[in-house]
C-alpha cells in the first residue's frame, strides 16, 4: 500500500511539472493580407499577450481584426 502511494505521488509530481504547451492560432489582417500564426504556450493568457504583441507590431495604429483561436 505504501508503494502505491509513493507511485501516485511521483505521478502527480511529474504531471504538475510537465512543460506541456497548448497550441493557439493568432489571426489578423495586415495591408490587406490575412495571416495566421500558430503559437505554443503554457496558457491562454500568454497566448493573448503574444497575439496582441504580434498584431501591434504589424500596425502603427494598433491591432486590426486580431483574433486568438
Protein backbone atom coordinates (compact mmCIF):
# COMPACT_ATOMS: atom_id res chain seq x y z
CA UNK A 1 0.00 0.00 0.00
CA UNK A 2 2.84 2.36 0.84
CA UNK A 3 4.49 1.63 -2.51
CA UNK A 4 1.27 2.51 -4.36
CA UNK A 5 1.04 5.89 -2.61
CA UNK A 6 4.66 6.66 -3.50
CA UNK A 7 3.96 5.82 -7.15
CA UNK A 8 0.85 8.03 -7.13
CA UNK A 9 2.77 10.93 -5.58
CA UNK A 10 5.50 10.54 -8.17
CA UNK A 11 2.95 10.53 -11.00
CA UNK A 12 1.31 13.70 -9.63
CA UNK A 13 4.70 15.42 -9.31
CA UNK A 14 5.67 14.55 -12.88
CA UNK A 15 2.38 15.79 -14.35
CA UNK A 16 2.42 19.00 -12.31
CA UNK A 17 5.91 19.90 -13.56
CA UNK A 18 5.16 18.92 -17.14
CA UNK A 19 6.11 21.63 -19.59
CA UNK A 20 3.28 20.69 -21.93
CA UNK A 21 2.32 23.57 -24.17
CA UNK A 22 -1.02 24.18 -25.83
CA UNK A 23 -1.35 25.37 -29.39
CA UNK A 24 -3.17 28.62 -30.22
CA UNK A 25 -3.69 30.42 -33.51
CA UNK A 26 -3.41 34.20 -33.81
CA UNK A 27 -5.06 35.59 -36.93
CA UNK A 28 -5.04 39.17 -38.21
CA UNK A 29 -5.02 41.36 -41.32
CA UNK A 30 -2.06 43.45 -42.40
CA UNK A 31 -2.12 45.62 -45.51
CA UNK A 32 -4.97 43.58 -46.98
CA UNK A 33 -3.27 40.23 -46.38
CA UNK A 34 -4.58 37.64 -43.91
CA UNK A 35 -2.14 35.97 -41.52
CA UNK A 36 -2.45 33.04 -39.15
CA UNK A 37 0.38 32.33 -36.74
CA UNK A 38 0.49 29.20 -34.60
CA UNK A 39 1.79 29.72 -31.09
CA UNK A 40 2.62 27.14 -28.47
CA UNK A 41 2.45 28.40 -24.91
CA UNK A 42 1.54 27.19 -21.43
CA UNK A 43 -1.76 29.06 -21.09
CA UNK A 44 -4.27 31.22 -22.93
CA UNK A 45 -3.23 34.45 -21.15
CA UNK A 46 0.32 34.16 -22.53
CA UNK A 47 -1.12 33.46 -25.98
CA UNK A 48 -3.33 36.58 -25.78
CA UNK A 49 -0.35 38.77 -24.90
CA UNK A 50 1.78 37.28 -27.69
CA UNK A 51 -1.05 37.67 -30.20
CA UNK A 52 -1.61 41.33 -29.31
CA UNK A 53 2.13 41.95 -29.49
CA UNK A 54 2.21 40.38 -32.96
CA UNK A 55 -0.74 42.48 -34.13
CA UNK A 56 0.62 45.71 -32.67
CA UNK A 57 3.95 45.04 -34.34
CA UNK A 58 2.19 44.96 -37.70
CA UNK A 59 0.29 48.23 -37.42
CA UNK A 60 1.10 51.77 -36.38
CA UNK A 61 -2.40 52.39 -35.01
CA UNK A 62 -2.92 49.11 -33.12
CA UNK A 63 -4.41 45.71 -33.89
CA UNK A 64 -6.84 45.18 -36.74
CA UNK A 65 -9.16 42.17 -36.54
CA UNK A 66 -6.76 40.42 -34.20
CA UNK A 67 -8.26 37.12 -33.04
CA UNK A 68 -6.96 34.27 -30.92
CA UNK A 69 -8.33 30.78 -31.59
